[in-house]
Amino acid sequence: MSPMTPDSPIGPGLGEGLPGGHRRTRRPAAPPQYVLTEDTPVYVISVAAELSGLHPQTLRQYDRLGLVSPDRTAGRGRRYSARDIQQLREVQRLSQDEGINLAGIKRIIELENQVTALQARIGELVDSLEGAAAALQQREAAVHASYRRDLVPYQPPTPQSSALVVWRPKR
């Protein structure tokens, strides 16, 4: 007695016993439409304010100053990502704990973004350089492999040797 038969102790199988003998088939699970990362804008301003511990009006002011610029919806509403929330907390820390004014904080953020971009560019250049070096080694190996093995490399005569070799072809 198989587990899919109607008389099995666990009951009928999927779709068995339906009128007309039709069986239901399971549809494969649809792949997720959205992949959430820390850069995915998901939080409205009220939630972002609560998560960051700031007032919504402060978040609007930071957006106007360009300190933290959230994404916008089609209706121009702000949507904050987890990275934006972290940046809001960092702005608050620099302002409250370190006593840095908002213009200084903006400059710090700009410089940090520039350093990040330069580090990414250095990574790209290193990858490119490694690829070029590998290609050069492959070309060099191909040239060495193409050498004729019946040729002897030329060695200049040594100055103390005064021997003369006469060559006569065979007839």
Protein backbone atom coordinates (compact mmCIF):
# COMPACT_ATOMS: atom_id res chain seq x y z
CA MET A 1 0.00 0.00 0.00
CA SER A 2 1.63 3.28 -1.13
CA PRO A 3 1.24 6.52 0.79
CA MET A 4 -0.47 8.12 -2.23
CA THR A 5 -3.42 5.72 -2.43
CA PRO A 6 -6.84 6.73 -1.11
CA ASP A 7 -6.90 3.85 1.32
CA SER A 8 -3.57 4.74 2.94
CA PRO A 9 -3.58 5.75 6.59
CA ILE A 10 -2.44 9.31 5.73
CA GLY A 11 -5.27 9.93 3.27
CA PRO A 12 -5.50 10.52 -0.45
CA GLY A 13 -2.64 12.00 -2.37
CA LEU A 14 -2.59 15.46 -3.86
CA GLY A 15 -5.47 15.78 -6.31
CA GLU A 16 -6.59 12.21 -6.01
CA GLY A 17 -10.30 11.70 -5.73
CA LEU A 18 -11.16 14.89 -7.63
CA PRO A 19 -14.07 14.68 -10.07
CA GLY A 20 -13.00 13.76 -13.59
CA GLY A 21 -9.81 12.16 -12.35
CA HIS A 22 -7.88 15.45 -12.59
CA ARG A 23 -4.83 15.84 -10.46
CA ARG A 24 -3.70 19.11 -9.04
CA THR A 25 -0.12 19.91 -9.78
CA ARG A 26 2.02 22.07 -7.60
CA ARG A 27 3.31 25.20 -9.15
CA PRO A 28 6.94 25.91 -8.54
CA ALA A 29 7.51 28.64 -6.02
CA ALA A 30 7.92 31.99 -7.73
CA PRO A 31 11.35 33.52 -7.27
CA PRO A 32 11.38 36.48 -4.94
CA GLN A 33 10.72 39.69 -6.83
CA TYR A 34 12.76 41.87 -4.50
CA VAL A 35 16.09 41.20 -2.90
CA LEU A 36 16.50 43.25 0.22
CA THR A 37 19.96 44.67 0.81
CA GLU A 38 21.11 47.39 3.12
CA ASP A 39 20.71 49.82 0.20
CA THR A 40 17.07 48.91 -0.50
CA PRO A 41 14.85 51.89 0.32
CA VAL A 42 12.05 50.54 2.51
CA TYR A 43 11.47 52.89 5.47
CA VAL A 44 9.13 55.87 5.37
CA ILE A 45 10.30 58.99 7.17
CA SER A 46 8.38 58.28 10.39
CA VAL A 47 9.92 54.81 10.74
CA ALA A 48 13.38 56.10 9.80
CA ALA A 49 13.05 58.84 12.42
CA GLU A 50 12.10 56.30 15.06
CA LEU A 51 14.92 53.92 14.11
CA SER A 52 17.52 56.69 14.11
CA GLY A 53 16.23 58.42 17.23
CA LEU A 54 15.73 61.73 15.42
CA HIS A 55 12.71 63.91 14.70
CA PRO A 56 11.23 63.65 11.18
CA GLN A 57 11.84 67.37 10.69
CA THR A 58 15.55 66.77 11.39
CA LEU A 59 15.60 64.11 8.69
CA ARG A 60 14.03 66.58 6.24
CA GLN A 61 16.65 69.18 7.17
CA TYR A 62 19.48 66.67 6.66
CA ASP A 63 18.00 65.83 3.26
CA ARG A 64 17.85 69.53 2.29
CA LEU A 65 21.50 69.99 3.37
CA GLY A 66 22.57 66.88 1.45
CA LEU A 67 23.84 65.02 4.52
CA VAL A 68 21.58 61.99 4.03
CA SER A 69 19.69 61.82 0.74
CA PRO A 70 17.07 59.06 0.72
CA ASP A 71 15.51 57.65 -2.43
CA ARG A 72 12.19 59.03 -3.58
CA THR A 73 8.98 57.31 -4.57
CA ALA A 74 7.00 58.27 -7.65
CA GLY A 75 4.94 60.58 -5.42
CA ARG A 76 8.18 62.22 -4.13
CA GLY A 77 7.93 60.58 -0.70
CA ARG A 78 11.21 59.77 1.02
CA ARG A 79 12.26 56.12 1.43
CA TYR A 80 15.20 55.38 3.67
CA SER A 81 17.43 52.31 3.50
CA ALA A 82 19.27 50.60 6.34
CA ARG A 83 22.45 52.34 5.17
CA ASP A 84 20.65 55.70 5.37
CA ILE A 85 19.56 54.92 8.95
CA GLN A 86 23.17 54.08 9.84
CA GLN A 87 24.35 57.33 8.26
CA LEU A 88 21.72 59.29 10.21
CA ARG A 89 23.04 57.77 13.43
CA GLU A 90 26.61 58.67 12.43
CA VAL A 91 25.59 62.29 11.69
CA GLN A 92 23.90 62.44 15.08
CA ARG A 93 27.00 61.00 16.80
CA LEU A 94 29.37 63.42 15.09
CA SER A 95 27.12 66.34 15.94
CA GLN A 96 26.32 65.44 19.55
CA ASP A 97 29.42 63.58 20.76
CA GLU A 98 32.17 65.19 18.69
CA GLY A 99 30.68 68.69 18.46
CA ILE A 100 31.15 68.95 14.68
CA ASN A 101 28.84 71.35 12.87
CA LEU A 102 26.69 70.21 9.96
CA ALA A 103 28.97 71.76 7.30
CA GLY A 104 31.91 69.83 8.76
CA ILE A 105 29.85 66.63 8.85
CA LYS A 106 28.90 67.13 5.21
CA ARG A 107 32.58 67.52 4.28
CA ILE A 108 33.49 64.38 6.27
CA ILE A 109 30.79 62.39 4.46
CA GLU A 110 31.97 63.69 1.06
CA LEU A 111 35.57 62.72 1.85
CA GLU A 112 34.53 59.26 3.08
CA ASN A 113 32.54 58.72 -0.14
CA GLN A 114 35.54 59.86 -2.17
CA VAL A 115 37.85 57.46 -0.32
CA THR A 116 35.39 54.60 -0.92
CA ALA A 117 35.20 55.43 -4.64
CA LEU A 118 39.00 55.63 -4.90
CA GLN A 119 39.41 52.29 -3.12
CA ALA A 120 36.96 50.71 -5.56
CA ARG A 121 38.91 52.21 -8.48
CA ILE A 122 42.18 50.88 -7.07
CA GLY A 123 40.60 47.43 -6.88
CA GLU A 124 39.52 47.69 -10.52
CA LEU A 125 43.00 48.79 -11.59
CA VAL A 126 44.68 45.98 -9.63
CA ASP A 127 42.36 43.44 -11.29
CA SER A 128 43.13 44.95 -14.69
CA LEU A 129 46.86 44.89 -14.01
CA GLU A 130 46.76 41.27 -12.88
CA GLY A 131 44.82 40.35 -16.03
CA ALA A 132 47.35 42.16 -18.24
CA ALA A 133 50.27 40.45 -16.48
CA ALA A 134 48.66 37.03 -16.97
CA ALA A 135 48.04 37.77 -20.66
CA LEU A 136 51.66 38.88 -21.06
CA GLN A 137 52.92 35.68 -19.46
CA GLN A 138 50.72 33.62 -21.78
CA ARG A 139 52.04 35.46 -24.84
CA GLU A 140 55.61 35.07 -23.63
CA ALA A 141 55.08 31.34 -23.09
CA ALA A 142 53.61 31.04 -26.60
CA VAL A 143 56.66 32.78 -28.08
CA HIS A 144 59.04 30.50 -26.18
CA ALA A 145 57.07 27.45 -27.28
CA SER A 146 57.40 28.52 -30.90
CA TYR A 147 61.22 28.52 -30.85
CA ARG A 148 62.87 26.09 -33.22
CA ARG A 149 64.83 23.56 -31.22
CA ASP A 150 67.36 22.79 -33.98
CA LEU A 151 68.95 26.23 -33.79
CA VAL A 152 71.83 26.94 -31.48
CA PRO A 153 71.97 30.37 -29.93
CA TYR A 154 74.82 32.58 -31.11
CA GLN A 155 77.66 33.05 -28.69
CA PRO A 156 80.22 35.72 -29.54
CA PRO A 157 83.81 34.52 -29.66
CA THR A 158 85.93 35.01 -26.61
CA PRO A 159 88.80 37.51 -27.06
CA GLN A 160 91.62 35.05 -26.16
CA SER A 161 90.60 32.60 -28.88
CA SER A 162 92.22 33.13 -32.24
CA ALA A 163 91.15 29.85 -33.85
CA LEU A 164 90.03 29.94 -37.43
CA VAL A 165 87.46 27.43 -38.66
CA VAL A 166 87.17 26.80 -42.36
CA TRP A 167 83.96 25.36 -43.63
CA ARG A 168 83.82 23.47 -46.87
CA PRO A 169 80.54 22.16 -48.16
CA LYS A 170 80.36 18.53 -49.20
CA ARG A 171 80.22 17.86 -52.92
